[in-house]
Amino acid sequence: MSSVPERGERDDDYKWDLESIYASDEDWEQAYEQLSEELGELEAYEGRLTEDSETLLEALDLRNEIHREAEKVASYGRMRSDEDTRDQEYQALKARGASLMADVSSASSYFDPELQDSSRWWSPRRASRSTSTTSTTCSG
């Protein structure tokens, strides 16, 4: 029966280049901490998404950037863990990355309901009705 070679025995061509994501685990830790802090910025837009178009654009840009970075954090943790599933340190990194993704989802969970609610008061049909009623003149 053949055994699975250890990671160190494999050619580098068959290994992930995780340093292209984060140069070190310390860099991963900094990204994790920064994202955790930025969640408060995202939560600050709750109830304000439909104030005006600039606010909506800022919130969407921030949400997208946080989601992209959180995906990098989570991917790095998963891939580090997959390198050697016996390594408890990287199992913990994987779990923290997954937890951060859940936190990001929770912090941005108000987006869909707020945007769906805004569609109740604005629709193209309603907008055309309001402009047609203001442009009518009274002849008499």
Protein backbone atom coordinates (compact mmCIF):
# COMPACT_ATOMS: atom_id res chain seq x y z
CA MET A 1 0.00 0.00 0.00
CA SER A 2 1.43 3.38 -0.98
CA SER A 3 1.50 6.29 1.42
CA VAL A 4 0.66 9.89 0.69
CA PRO A 5 3.84 11.93 0.45
CA GLU A 6 4.33 14.76 2.93
CA ARG A 7 3.90 18.28 1.57
CA GLY A 8 7.65 18.95 1.82
CA GLU A 9 8.30 15.96 -0.45
CA ARG A 10 6.19 17.36 -3.28
CA ASP A 11 7.50 19.46 -6.14
CA ASP A 12 6.64 23.17 -5.80
CA ASP A 13 4.76 23.00 -9.11
CA TYR A 14 2.08 21.01 -7.27
CA LYS A 15 1.72 23.39 -4.32
CA TRP A 16 -0.38 26.50 -3.94
CA ASP A 17 1.47 29.80 -3.99
CA LEU A 18 -0.29 31.21 -0.94
CA GLU A 19 2.34 33.90 -0.55
CA SER A 20 0.72 35.57 -3.57
CA ILE A 21 -2.37 36.06 -1.39
CA TYR A 22 -0.61 36.99 1.87
CA ALA A 23 3.16 37.03 2.25
CA SER A 24 2.89 35.63 5.77
CA ASP A 25 0.44 34.53 8.42
CA GLU A 26 1.09 37.90 10.11
CA ASP A 27 -0.15 39.69 6.97
CA TRP A 28 -3.24 37.50 7.07
CA GLU A 29 -3.76 38.47 10.71
CA GLN A 30 -3.52 42.18 9.85
CA ALA A 31 -6.06 41.79 7.04
CA TYR A 32 -8.37 39.88 9.37
CA GLU A 33 -8.18 42.59 12.05
CA GLN A 34 -8.66 45.41 9.53
CA LEU A 35 -11.75 43.75 8.07
CA SER A 36 -13.18 43.18 11.52
CA GLU A 37 -12.85 46.92 12.18
CA GLU A 38 -14.34 47.89 8.80
CA LEU A 39 -17.54 46.00 9.56
CA GLY A 40 -18.56 48.92 11.76
CA GLU A 41 -18.23 51.26 8.77
CA LEU A 42 -20.54 48.99 6.80
CA GLU A 43 -23.08 48.81 9.60
CA ALA A 44 -23.14 52.64 9.74
CA TYR A 45 -25.02 52.69 6.41
CA GLU A 46 -27.95 50.72 7.82
CA GLY A 47 -31.16 52.70 7.37
CA ARG A 48 -29.43 55.17 5.04
CA LEU A 49 -29.01 53.28 1.76
CA THR A 50 -31.74 55.11 -0.07
CA GLU A 51 -30.99 58.62 1.25
CA ASP A 52 -29.42 59.54 -2.08
CA SER A 53 -27.46 58.00 -4.91
CA GLU A 54 -24.05 58.98 -3.50
CA THR A 55 -24.77 57.23 -0.20
CA LEU A 56 -25.94 54.11 -2.01
CA LEU A 57 -22.85 54.05 -4.22
CA GLU A 58 -20.51 54.51 -1.24
CA ALA A 59 -22.23 51.71 0.66
CA LEU A 60 -22.20 49.35 -2.31
CA ASP A 61 -18.51 50.05 -3.00
CA LEU A 62 -17.62 49.45 0.65
CA ARG A 63 -19.68 46.27 0.82
CA ASN A 64 -18.09 44.92 -2.36
CA GLU A 65 -14.56 45.72 -1.18
CA ILE A 66 -15.18 44.10 2.22
CA HIS A 67 -16.66 41.00 0.57
CA ARG A 68 -13.66 40.70 -1.78
CA GLU A 69 -11.15 41.03 1.05
CA ALA A 70 -13.08 38.69 3.34
CA GLU A 71 -13.12 36.09 0.59
CA LYS A 72 -9.32 36.36 0.36
CA VAL A 73 -9.00 35.94 4.14
CA ALA A 74 -11.30 32.92 4.15
CA SER A 75 -9.65 31.35 1.09
CA TYR A 76 -6.19 31.68 2.58
CA GLY A 77 -7.35 30.01 5.80
CA ARG A 78 -9.06 27.17 3.91
CA MET A 79 -6.08 26.55 1.67
CA ARG A 80 -3.57 26.68 4.56
CA SER A 81 -5.73 24.17 6.40
CA ASP A 82 -5.95 21.93 3.36
CA GLU A 83 -2.16 21.79 3.09
CA ASP A 84 -2.11 19.61 6.20
CA THR A 85 -5.40 18.90 7.91
CA ARG A 86 -3.52 17.69 10.99
CA ASP A 87 -2.21 21.22 11.69
CA GLN A 88 -4.46 22.68 14.38
CA GLU A 89 -3.10 26.20 13.90
CA TYR A 90 -4.36 26.28 10.33
CA GLN A 91 -7.61 24.59 11.28
CA ALA A 92 -8.15 27.57 13.61
CA LEU A 93 -7.27 30.00 10.79
CA LYS A 94 -9.83 28.30 8.57
CA ALA A 95 -12.48 28.57 11.29
CA ARG A 96 -11.71 32.25 11.89
CA GLY A 97 -11.97 32.95 8.17
CA ALA A 98 -15.35 31.22 8.01
CA SER A 99 -16.50 33.15 11.07
CA LEU A 100 -15.42 36.42 9.47
CA MET A 101 -17.44 35.59 6.35
CA ALA A 102 -20.49 35.03 8.57
CA ASP A 103 -19.85 38.38 10.28
CA VAL A 104 -19.59 40.12 6.90
CA SER A 105 -22.86 38.57 5.77
CA SER A 106 -24.53 39.63 9.00
CA ALA A 107 -23.15 43.19 8.79
CA SER A 108 -24.51 43.61 5.27
CA SER A 109 -27.77 41.71 5.73
CA TYR A 110 -29.82 44.91 5.66
CA PHE A 111 -28.92 45.69 2.03
CA ASP A 112 -31.52 43.55 0.28
CA PRO A 113 -34.46 44.43 2.53
CA GLU A 114 -33.70 48.16 2.35
CA LEU A 115 -33.30 48.13 -1.42
CA GLN A 116 -36.42 46.03 -1.89
CA ASP A 117 -38.36 48.37 0.39
CA SER A 118 -37.22 51.38 -1.63
CA SER A 119 -38.76 49.85 -4.75
CA ARG A 120 -42.17 50.24 -3.12
CA TRP A 121 -41.96 54.01 -3.22
CA TRP A 122 -40.10 54.33 -6.53
CA SER A 123 -40.85 52.60 -9.77
CA PRO A 124 -40.57 53.77 -13.39
CA ARG A 125 -44.36 53.62 -13.72
CA ARG A 126 -44.89 55.74 -10.64
CA ALA A 127 -42.21 58.20 -11.77
CA SER A 128 -43.88 58.62 -15.17
CA ARG A 129 -47.27 59.21 -13.50
CA SER A 130 -45.89 61.92 -11.26
CA THR A 131 -44.25 63.77 -14.16
CA SER A 132 -47.36 63.49 -16.33
CA THR A 133 -49.60 64.95 -13.61
CA THR A 134 -47.28 67.90 -12.98
CA SER A 135 -47.07 68.81 -16.66
CA THR A 136 -50.81 69.02 -17.29
CA THR A 137 -52.27 72.45 -17.66
CA CYS A 138 -55.72 73.64 -16.99
CA SER A 139 -57.56 75.12 -19.94
CA GLY A 140 -60.45 77.14 -19.34
